C-alpha atoms as a PDB file:
ATOM      1  CA  MET A   1     -11.726  -6.717  -0.440  1.00  0.00           C
ATOM      2  CA  ASN A   2     -13.514  -6.352   2.878  1.00  0.00           C
ATOM      3  CA  HIS A   3     -14.603  -9.482   4.708  1.00  0.00           C
ATOM      4  CA  PRO A   4     -17.577  -8.868   7.029  1.00  0.00           C
ATOM      5  CA  SER A   5     -16.714 -11.693   9.413  1.00  0.00           C
ATOM      6  CA  LEU A   6     -13.083 -12.343  10.258  1.00  0.00           C
ATOM      7  CA  PRO A   7     -11.599 -14.224  13.229  1.00  0.00           C
ATOM      8  CA  SER A   8     -10.008 -12.608  16.264  1.00  0.00           C
ATOM      9  CA  LEU A   9      -6.277 -12.126  15.907  1.00  0.00           C
ATOM     10  CA  LEU A  10      -3.362 -11.994  18.361  1.00  0.00           C
ATOM     11  CA  GLY A  11       0.037 -10.924  17.058  1.00  0.00           C
ATOM     12  CA  VAL A  12       3.119 -12.186  18.913  1.00  0.00           C
ATOM     13  CA  PHE A  13       6.225 -10.314  17.851  1.00  0.00           C
ATOM     14  CA  ALA A  14       9.706  -9.633  19.157  1.00  0.00           C
ATOM     15  CA  HIS A  15      10.048  -5.847  18.996  1.00  0.00           C
ATOM     16  CA  PRO A  16       7.926  -2.723  18.779  1.00  0.00           C
ATOM     17  CA  ASP A  17       7.396  -2.054  15.028  1.00  0.00           C
ATOM     18  CA  ASP A  18       7.402  -5.758  14.020  1.00  0.00           C
ATOM     19  CA  GLU A  19       3.618  -5.831  14.358  1.00  0.00           C
ATOM     20  CA  SER A  20       3.159  -2.906  11.959  1.00  0.00           C
ATOM     21  CA  LEU A  21       5.746  -4.012   9.404  1.00  0.00           C
ATOM     22  CA  LEU A  22       4.779  -7.691   9.241  1.00  0.00           C
ATOM     23  CA  ALA A  23       1.050  -7.782   9.974  1.00  0.00           C
ATOM     24  CA  GLY A  24      -0.164  -4.188  10.180  1.00  0.00           C
ATOM     25  CA  GLY A  25      -2.397  -4.729   7.176  1.00  0.00           C
ATOM     26  CA  VAL A  26      -4.168  -7.824   8.466  1.00  0.00           C
ATOM     27  CA  LEU A  27      -4.482  -6.340  11.950  1.00  0.00           C
ATOM     28  CA  ALA A  28      -6.190  -3.302  10.406  1.00  0.00           C
ATOM     29  CA  GLN A  29      -8.278  -5.537   8.142  1.00  0.00           C
ATOM     30  CA  HIS A  30      -9.574  -7.686  10.988  1.00  0.00           C
ATOM     31  CA  HIS A  31     -10.246  -4.662  13.208  1.00  0.00           C
ATOM     32  CA  ALA A  32     -12.199  -2.973  10.391  1.00  0.00           C
ATOM     33  CA  ALA A  33     -14.332  -6.106  10.084  1.00  0.00           C
ATOM     34  CA  GLY A  34     -15.207  -5.951  13.781  1.00  0.00           C
ATOM     35  CA  ALA A  35     -12.832  -8.681  14.957  1.00  0.00           C
ATOM     36  CA  ARG A  36     -10.926  -8.404  18.227  1.00  0.00           C
ATOM     37  CA  THR A  37      -7.189  -7.817  17.748  1.00  0.00           C
ATOM     38  CA  ALA A  38      -4.213  -7.462  20.087  1.00  0.00           C
ATOM     39  CA  VAL A  39      -0.416  -7.702  20.082  1.00  0.00           C
ATOM     40  CA  VAL A  40       2.084  -9.193  22.518  1.00  0.00           C
ATOM     41  CA  THR A  41       5.613  -7.761  22.230  1.00  0.00           C
ATOM     42  CA  ALA A  42       8.385  -9.858  23.752  1.00  0.00           C
ATOM     43  CA  THR A  43      11.106  -7.242  24.304  1.00  0.00           C
ATOM     44  CA  TRP A  44      11.403  -3.698  25.691  1.00  0.00           C
ATOM     45  CA  GLU A  45      10.065  -2.623  29.067  1.00  0.00           C
ATOM     46  CA  PRO A  46       6.758  -0.784  29.514  1.00  0.00           C
ATOM     47  CA  ASP A  47       8.626   2.344  30.677  1.00  0.00           C
ATOM     48  CA  SER A  48      11.151   2.303  27.822  1.00  0.00           C
ATOM     49  CA  ARG A  49      11.275   4.949  25.100  1.00  0.00           C
ATOM     50  CA  ARG A  50       9.727   2.628  22.513  1.00  0.00           C
ATOM     51  CA  ALA A  51       6.656   1.731  24.573  1.00  0.00           C
ATOM     52  CA  PRO A  52       4.759   5.002  23.843  1.00  0.00           C
ATOM     53  CA  GLU A  53       5.486   4.588  20.134  1.00  0.00           C
ATOM     54  CA  LEU A  54       4.118   1.042  20.264  1.00  0.00           C
ATOM     55  CA  ALA A  55       1.002   2.322  22.030  1.00  0.00           C
ATOM     56  CA  ASP A  56       0.485   4.898  19.285  1.00  0.00           C
ATOM     57  CA  ALA A  57       0.943   2.285  16.549  1.00  0.00           C
ATOM     58  CA  LEU A  58      -1.511  -0.124  18.154  1.00  0.00           C
ATOM     59  CA  ALA A  59      -4.051   2.675  18.545  1.00  0.00           C
ATOM     60  CA  VAL A  60      -3.801   3.347  14.807  1.00  0.00           C
ATOM     61  CA  LEU A  61      -4.299  -0.356  14.062  1.00  0.00           C
ATOM     62  CA  GLY A  62      -7.125  -0.762  16.567  1.00  0.00           C
ATOM     63  CA  ALA A  63      -5.182  -3.445  18.427  1.00  0.00           C
ATOM     64  CA  GLY A  64      -5.658  -2.282  22.000  1.00  0.00           C
ATOM     65  CA  ALA A  65      -3.042  -1.464  24.603  1.00  0.00           C
ATOM     66  CA  PRO A  66       0.524  -2.805  24.484  1.00  0.00           C
ATOM     67  CA  ARG A  67       1.183  -6.188  26.063  1.00  0.00           C
ATOM     68  CA  LEU A  68       4.926  -6.000  26.699  1.00  0.00           C
ATOM     69  CA  LEU A  69       6.730  -8.990  28.204  1.00  0.00           C
ATOM     70  CA  GLY A  70       9.626  -6.649  28.987  1.00  0.00           C
ATOM     71  CA  TYR A  71      12.628  -8.825  28.127  1.00  0.00           C
ATOM     72  CA  GLY A  72      15.880  -7.416  26.844  1.00  0.00           C
ATOM     73  CA  ASP A  73      16.686  -7.075  23.157  1.00  0.00           C
ATOM     74  CA  ALA A  74      19.556  -9.319  22.026  1.00  0.00           C
ATOM     75  CA  ARG A  75      21.218  -6.340  20.333  1.00  0.00           C
ATOM     76  CA  ASN A  76      20.132  -3.338  22.395  1.00  0.00           C
ATOM     77  CA  ALA A  77      20.920  -3.078  26.117  1.00  0.00           C
ATOM     78  CA  GLU A  78      18.628  -0.045  26.378  1.00  0.00           C
ATOM     79  CA  ALA A  79      15.524  -2.208  25.933  1.00  0.00           C
ATOM     80  CA  ALA A  80      15.338  -3.581  29.475  1.00  0.00           C
ATOM     81  CA  PRO A  81      18.303  -2.702  31.715  1.00  0.00           C
ATOM     82  CA  GLY A  82      18.747  -5.277  34.439  1.00  0.00           C
ATOM     83  CA  ARG A  83      16.328  -7.757  32.837  1.00  0.00           C
ATOM     84  CA  SER A  84      17.213 -10.982  31.059  1.00  0.00           C
ATOM     85  CA  ARG A  85      17.509 -10.809  27.308  1.00  0.00           C
ATOM     86  CA  LEU A  86      14.743 -12.730  25.597  1.00  0.00           C
ATOM     87  CA  VAL A  87      17.306 -15.133  24.106  1.00  0.00           C
ATOM     88  CA  ASP A  88      18.708 -15.844  27.595  1.00  0.00           C
ATOM     89  CA  ALA A  89      15.469 -16.051  29.591  1.00  0.00           C
ATOM     90  CA  PRO A  90      14.287 -19.475  30.842  1.00  0.00           C
ATOM     91  CA  LEU A  91      12.184 -20.985  28.075  1.00  0.00           C
ATOM     92  CA  ASP A  92       9.399 -22.264  30.313  1.00  0.00           C
ATOM     93  CA  GLU A  93       9.115 -18.875  32.018  1.00  0.00           C
ATOM     94  CA  VAL A  94       8.607 -17.014  28.748  1.00  0.00           C
ATOM     95  CA  ILE A  95       6.176 -19.635  27.442  1.00  0.00           C
ATOM     96  CA  GLY A  96       4.123 -19.347  30.617  1.00  0.00           C
ATOM     97  CA  ARG A  97       3.888 -15.590  30.319  1.00  0.00           C
ATOM     98  CA  LEU A  98       2.773 -15.819  26.695  1.00  0.00           C
ATOM     99  CA  VAL A  99       0.281 -18.582  27.554  1.00  0.00           C
ATOM    100  CA  ALA A 100      -1.285 -16.190  30.062  1.00  0.00           C
ATOM    101  CA  HIS A 101      -1.871 -13.616  27.313  1.00  0.00           C
ATOM    102  CA  ILE A 102      -3.283 -16.223  24.928  1.00  0.00           C
ATOM    103  CA  ARG A 103      -5.695 -17.499  27.573  1.00  0.00           C
ATOM    104  CA  ASP A 104      -6.658 -13.977  28.574  1.00  0.00           C
ATOM    105  CA  PHE A 105      -7.337 -12.746  25.027  1.00  0.00           C
ATOM    106  CA  ARG A 106      -8.660 -16.080  23.644  1.00  0.00           C
ATOM    107  CA  PRO A 107      -7.785 -15.473  19.977  1.00  0.00           C
ATOM    108  CA  ASP A 108      -8.965 -17.577  17.061  1.00  0.00           C
ATOM    109  CA  ILE A 109      -5.634 -16.956  15.292  1.00  0.00           C
ATOM    110  CA  VAL A 110      -2.101 -16.259  16.481  1.00  0.00           C
ATOM    111  CA  VAL A 111       0.404 -14.632  14.101  1.00  0.00           C
ATOM    112  CA  THR A 112       4.136 -14.588  14.790  1.00  0.00           C
ATOM    113  CA  HIS A 113       7.582 -14.558  13.131  1.00  0.00           C
ATOM    114  CA  ASP A 114       8.798 -17.247  10.767  1.00  0.00           C
ATOM    115  CA  ALA A 115      11.488 -19.814  11.623  1.00  0.00           C
ATOM    116  CA  LEU A 116      14.221 -17.850   9.827  1.00  0.00           C
ATOM    117  CA  GLY A 117      13.686 -14.799  12.003  1.00  0.00           C
ATOM    118  CA  GLN A 118      12.258 -12.798   9.095  1.00  0.00           C
ATOM    119  CA  LEU A 119      14.445 -11.339   6.385  1.00  0.00           C
ATOM    120  CA  THR A 120      17.396 -10.441   8.578  1.00  0.00           C
ATOM    121  CA  GLY A 121      17.443 -13.467  10.887  1.00  0.00           C
ATOM    122  CA  HIS A 122      17.298 -11.451  14.109  1.00  0.00           C
ATOM    123  CA  PRO A 123      17.814 -13.790  17.096  1.00  0.00           C
ATOM    124  CA  ASP A 124      14.853 -12.242  18.930  1.00  0.00           C
ATOM    125  CA  HIS A 125      12.630 -13.027  15.940  1.00  0.00           C
ATOM    126  CA  GLU A 126      13.820 -16.636  15.903  1.00  0.00           C
ATOM    127  CA  ARG A 127      13.256 -16.998  19.646  1.00  0.00           C
ATOM    128  CA  THR A 128       9.795 -15.467  19.471  1.00  0.00           C
ATOM    129  CA  HIS A 129       8.840 -17.914  16.719  1.00  0.00           C
ATOM    130  CA  GLN A 130       9.949 -20.834  18.890  1.00  0.00           C
ATOM    131  CA  ILE A 131       8.133 -19.512  21.952  1.00  0.00           C
ATOM    132  CA  ALA A 132       4.917 -18.860  20.047  1.00  0.00           C
ATOM    133  CA  LEU A 133       4.822 -22.392  18.631  1.00  0.00           C
ATOM    134  CA  LEU A 134       5.199 -23.908  22.074  1.00  0.00           C
ATOM    135  CA  ALA A 135       2.840 -21.472  23.803  1.00  0.00           C
ATOM    136  CA  VAL A 136       0.005 -21.982  21.297  1.00  0.00           C
ATOM    137  CA  GLU A 137       0.080 -25.697  22.011  1.00  0.00           C
ATOM    138  CA  ALA A 138       0.509 -25.264  25.768  1.00  0.00           C
ATOM    139  CA  ALA A 139      -2.348 -22.752  26.007  1.00  0.00           C
ATOM    140  CA  GLY A 140      -4.865 -25.484  25.156  1.00  0.00           C
ATOM    141  CA  LEU A 141      -3.601 -27.953  27.751  1.00  0.00           C
ATOM    142  CA  ALA A 142      -5.024 -27.477  31.238  1.00  0.00           C
ATOM    143  CA  HIS A 143      -2.159 -29.300  32.953  1.00  0.00           C
ATOM    144  CA  LEU A 144       0.449 -26.934  31.498  1.00  0.00           C
ATOM    145  CA  HIS A 145       0.855 -23.551  33.203  1.00  0.00           C
ATOM    146  CA  PRO A 146      -2.358 -23.872  35.272  1.00  0.00           C
ATOM    147  CA  GLU A 147      -1.482 -20.577  36.958  1.00  0.00           C
ATOM    148  CA  ALA A 148      -1.994 -18.818  33.596  1.00  0.00           C
ATOM    149  CA  GLY A 149      -5.774 -19.279  33.543  1.00  0.00           C
ATOM    150  CA  PRO A 150      -8.301 -21.649  31.987  1.00  0.00           C
ATOM    151  CA  PRO A 151      -7.088 -23.377  28.810  1.00  0.00           C
ATOM    152  CA  TRP A 152      -7.744 -21.900  25.395  1.00  0.00           C
ATOM    153  CA  GLN A 153      -6.721 -23.429  22.078  1.00  0.00           C
ATOM    154  CA  PRO A 154      -6.312 -21.046  19.126  1.00  0.00           C
ATOM    155  CA  ALA A 155      -7.661 -22.556  15.929  1.00  0.00           C
ATOM    156  CA  ALA A 156      -4.669 -21.560  13.789  1.00  0.00           C
ATOM    157  CA  LEU A 157      -1.108 -20.314  14.005  1.00  0.00           C
ATOM    158  CA  TYR A 158       0.397 -18.308  11.142  1.00  0.00           C
ATOM    159  CA  ALA A 159       3.976 -17.228  10.573  1.00  0.00           C
ATOM    160  CA  ALA A 160       4.476 -13.909   8.799  1.00  0.00           C
ATOM    161  CA  THR A 161       7.086 -14.600   6.144  1.00  0.00           C
ATOM    162  CA  HIS A 162       8.729 -13.506   2.894  1.00  0.00           C
ATOM    163  CA  PRO A 163       8.792 -15.698  -0.231  1.00  0.00           C
ATOM    164  CA  GLU A 164      11.801 -15.518  -2.515  1.00  0.00           C
ATOM    165  CA  SER A 165       9.690 -14.082  -5.331  1.00  0.00           C
ATOM    166  CA  GLY A 166       8.220 -11.406  -3.062  1.00  0.00           C
ATOM    167  CA  ILE A 167      11.394  -9.749  -1.796  1.00  0.00           C
ATOM    168  CA  GLY A 168      11.697  -7.468  -4.826  1.00  0.00           C
ATOM    169  CA  PRO A 169      13.244  -4.107  -3.982  1.00  0.00           C
ATOM    170  CA  LEU A 170      13.772  -5.049  -0.341  1.00  0.00           C
ATOM    171  CA  ARG A 171      16.919  -7.026  -1.096  1.00  0.00           C
ATOM    172  CA  PRO A 172      19.103  -4.139  -2.349  1.00  0.00           C
ATOM    173  CA  LEU A 173      17.679  -1.817   0.299  1.00  0.00           C
ATOM    174  CA  LEU A 174      18.580  -4.152   3.162  1.00  0.00           C
ATOM    175  CA  GLU A 175      21.904  -5.221   1.695  1.00  0.00           C
ATOM    176  CA  GLY A 176      22.707  -1.556   1.181  1.00  0.00           C
ATOM    177  CA  VAL A 177      22.713  -0.999   4.955  1.00  0.00           C
ATOM    178  CA  GLY A 178      24.699  -4.170   5.645  1.00  0.00           C
ATOM    179  CA  LYS A 179      21.871  -6.571   6.464  1.00  0.00           C
ATOM    180  CA  LYS A 180      21.497 -10.129   5.254  1.00  0.00           C
ATOM    181  CA  VAL A 181      18.331 -11.196   3.446  1.00  0.00           C
ATOM    182  CA  LEU A 182      16.636 -14.519   4.167  1.00  0.00           C
ATOM    183  CA  ALA A 183      13.535 -15.848   2.431  1.00  0.00           C
ATOM    184  CA  PHE A 184      11.543 -19.055   2.072  1.00  0.00           C
ATOM    185  CA  PRO A 185      10.779 -20.899  -1.141  1.00  0.00           C
ATOM    186  CA  ASP A 186       7.504 -19.698  -2.611  1.00  0.00           C
ATOM    187  CA  SER A 187       5.944 -23.096  -1.933  1.00  0.00           C
ATOM    188  CA  TYR A 188       6.217 -22.468   1.813  1.00  0.00           C
ATOM    189  CA  VAL A 189       3.767 -19.567   1.664  1.00  0.00           C
ATOM    190  CA  THR A 190       0.141 -20.623   2.133  1.00  0.00           C
ATOM    191  CA  THR A 191      -1.532 -17.191   2.269  1.00  0.00           C
ATOM    192  CA  SER A 192      -0.818 -13.836   0.627  1.00  0.00           C
ATOM    193  CA  VAL A 193      -3.089 -10.987   1.696  1.00  0.00           C
ATOM    194  CA  ASP A 194      -3.556  -7.888  -0.448  1.00  0.00           C
ATOM    195  CA  VAL A 195      -3.760  -5.218   2.245  1.00  0.00           C
ATOM    196  CA  THR A 196      -3.973  -2.273  -0.162  1.00  0.00           C
ATOM    197  CA  PRO A 197      -7.308  -1.094   1.338  1.00  0.00           C
ATOM    198  CA  TRP A 198      -5.583  -0.808   4.734  1.00  0.00           C
ATOM    199  CA  ALA A 199      -2.142   0.305   3.520  1.00  0.00           C
ATOM    200  CA  ASP A 200      -2.634   3.893   4.690  1.00  0.00           C
ATOM    201  CA  VAL A 201      -3.472   2.657   8.193  1.00  0.00           C
ATOM    202  CA  LYS A 202      -0.475   0.323   8.131  1.00  0.00           C
ATOM    203  CA  TRP A 203       1.838   3.127   7.031  1.00  0.00           C
ATOM    204  CA  ARG A 204       0.585   5.444   9.781  1.00  0.00           C
ATOM    205  CA  ALA A 205       1.266   2.686  12.298  1.00  0.00           C
ATOM    206  CA  ILE A 206       4.810   2.237  10.952  1.00  0.00           C
ATOM    207  CA  LEU A 207       5.385   5.994  11.166  1.00  0.00           C
ATOM    208  CA  ALA A 208       4.282   5.917  14.822  1.00  0.00           C
ATOM    209  CA  HIS A 209       7.596   4.189  15.559  1.00  0.00           C
ATOM    210  CA  ARG A 210       9.302   7.552  15.307  1.00  0.00           C
ATOM    211  CA  GLY A 211      12.668   6.532  16.708  1.00  0.00           C
ATOM    212  CA  GLU A 212      13.085   3.826  14.064  1.00  0.00           C
ATOM    213  CA  VAL A 213      11.845   6.085  11.251  1.00  0.00           C
ATOM    214  CA  ALA A 214      14.544   8.603  12.128  1.00  0.00           C
ATOM    215  CA  ARG A 215      17.365   6.059  11.868  1.00  0.00           C
ATOM    216  CA  GLU A 216      19.145   4.864   8.735  1.00  0.00           C
ATOM    217  CA  ARG A 217      19.298   1.070   9.141  1.00  0.00           C
ATOM    218  CA  PRO A 218      15.901   0.025  10.577  1.00  0.00           C
ATOM    219  CA  LEU A 219      13.261  -0.848   8.011  1.00  0.00           C
ATOM    220  CA  PRO A 220      10.860   1.970   9.010  1.00  0.00           C
ATOM    221  CA  GLY A 221      13.600   4.476   8.222  1.00  0.00           C
ATOM    222  CA  ILE A 222      14.410   2.774   4.928  1.00  0.00           C
ATOM    223  CA  LEU A 223      10.742   2.802   3.919  1.00  0.00           C
ATOM    224  CA  ALA A 224      10.314   6.439   4.898  1.00  0.00           C
ATOM    225  CA  ARG A 225      13.022   7.479   2.434  1.00  0.00           C
ATOM    226  CA  LEU A 226      11.384   5.695  -0.506  1.00  0.00           C
ATOM    227  CA  PRO A 227       9.055   7.194  -3.115  1.00  0.00           C
ATOM    228  CA  GLU A 228       5.444   6.342  -2.331  1.00  0.00           C
ATOM    229  CA  ASP A 229       5.036   3.933  -5.271  1.00  0.00           C
ATOM    230  CA  ASP A 230       8.146   1.973  -4.321  1.00  0.00           C
ATOM    231  CA  ARG A 231       7.022   1.791  -0.714  1.00  0.00           C
ATOM    232  CA  ALA A 232       3.570   0.562  -1.725  1.00  0.00           C
ATOM    233  CA  GLN A 233       5.156  -2.287  -3.670  1.00  0.00           C
ATOM    234  CA  ILE A 234       6.758  -3.458  -0.423  1.00  0.00           C
ATOM    235  CA  ILE A 235       4.004  -2.962   2.161  1.00  0.00           C
ATOM    236  CA  ASN A 236       0.790  -3.663   0.231  1.00  0.00           C
ATOM    237  CA  THR A 237       1.042  -7.464   0.375  1.00  0.00           C
ATOM    238  CA  GLU A 238       1.595  -9.562   3.487  1.00  0.00           C
ATOM    239  CA  HIS A 239       2.639 -13.204   3.242  1.00  0.00           C
ATOM    240  CA  PHE A 240       1.989 -15.960   5.776  1.00  0.00           C
ATOM    241  CA  THR A 241       2.468 -19.674   6.337  1.00  0.00           C
ATOM    242  CA  ARG A 242      -0.181 -21.560   8.252  1.00  0.00           C
ATOM    243  CA  LEU A 243       1.522 -23.827  10.804  1.00  0.00           C
ATOM    244  CA  SER A 244      -0.136 -26.801  12.462  1.00  0.00           C
ATOM    245  CA  PRO A 245       2.700 -27.699  12.902  1.00  0.00           C
ATOM    246  CA  GLY A 246       3.786 -27.706   9.243  1.00  0.00           C
ATOM    247  CA  PRO A 247       2.512 -25.704   6.272  1.00  0.00           C
ATOM    248  CA  THR A 248      -1.219 -26.303   5.779  1.00  0.00           C
ATOM    249  CA  LYS A 249      -3.321 -24.893   2.996  1.00  0.00           C
ATOM    250  CA  GLY A 250      -6.011 -22.408   4.012  1.00  0.00           C
ATOM    251  CA  ALA A 251      -7.751 -19.596   2.175  1.00  0.00           C
ATOM    252  CA  PRO A 252      -5.232 -18.103  -0.264  1.00  0.00           C
ATOM    253  CA  ASP A 253      -6.105 -14.443   0.302  1.00  0.00           C
ATOM    254  CA  ARG A 254      -6.926 -14.028   4.028  1.00  0.00           C
ATOM    255  CA  LEU A 255      -6.232 -15.561   7.424  1.00  0.00           C
ATOM    256  CA  THR A 256      -8.827 -18.155   8.389  1.00  0.00           C
ATOM    257  CA  VAL A 257      -9.330 -20.776  11.051  1.00  0.00           C
END
């Protein structure tokens, strides 16, 4: 279903490819409806090998140019040699840098990781969730990070998440490559978006992360080896929890303010 008027949307994610896997459908949906969309990525430097892939994915989604904070990946030293890992960086420093992007873009909605760090509990996902919660609040307060620009308060913060009933075929696929699988109770999910009309766009954005598609363990590579019908079952619905600061009911089928 196409919604003619949807709010502007800023994704805040840990790594290149998280935006496409977790919210590629809603980013494409909001862009198609004429809403402004953008993505901040916490790790990997702008001159790293993954930055051009991220740029290609965002172009497919209509989400503008990459906004890379450039911190190191907790599990990959190649991401930002010589830079602090995101999990080690001073908290206030990272919050201030994200506040600057929020105030610059002035989104109605911010979307980020859930508190579990998504299905696999990646420490960068957990840290990005924490930073996003604090930055969304700080962005609206003029006395916090005044150097980051005039205050702007997003109307809603959503966490992309996975309910226990929605994991389906993902569990054996992830466990098959040695990854743990974490999920929330179904009651934690406030919004499930059927992104089938934008699934082709989402899949093209995932495929733009060519380095991850070529590998065995990352989710893009796992998805690329699946039959189309099985893949559609996984990527055609995106689940979210509205946080303010706890779960709050909104529209059940789309992100709203």
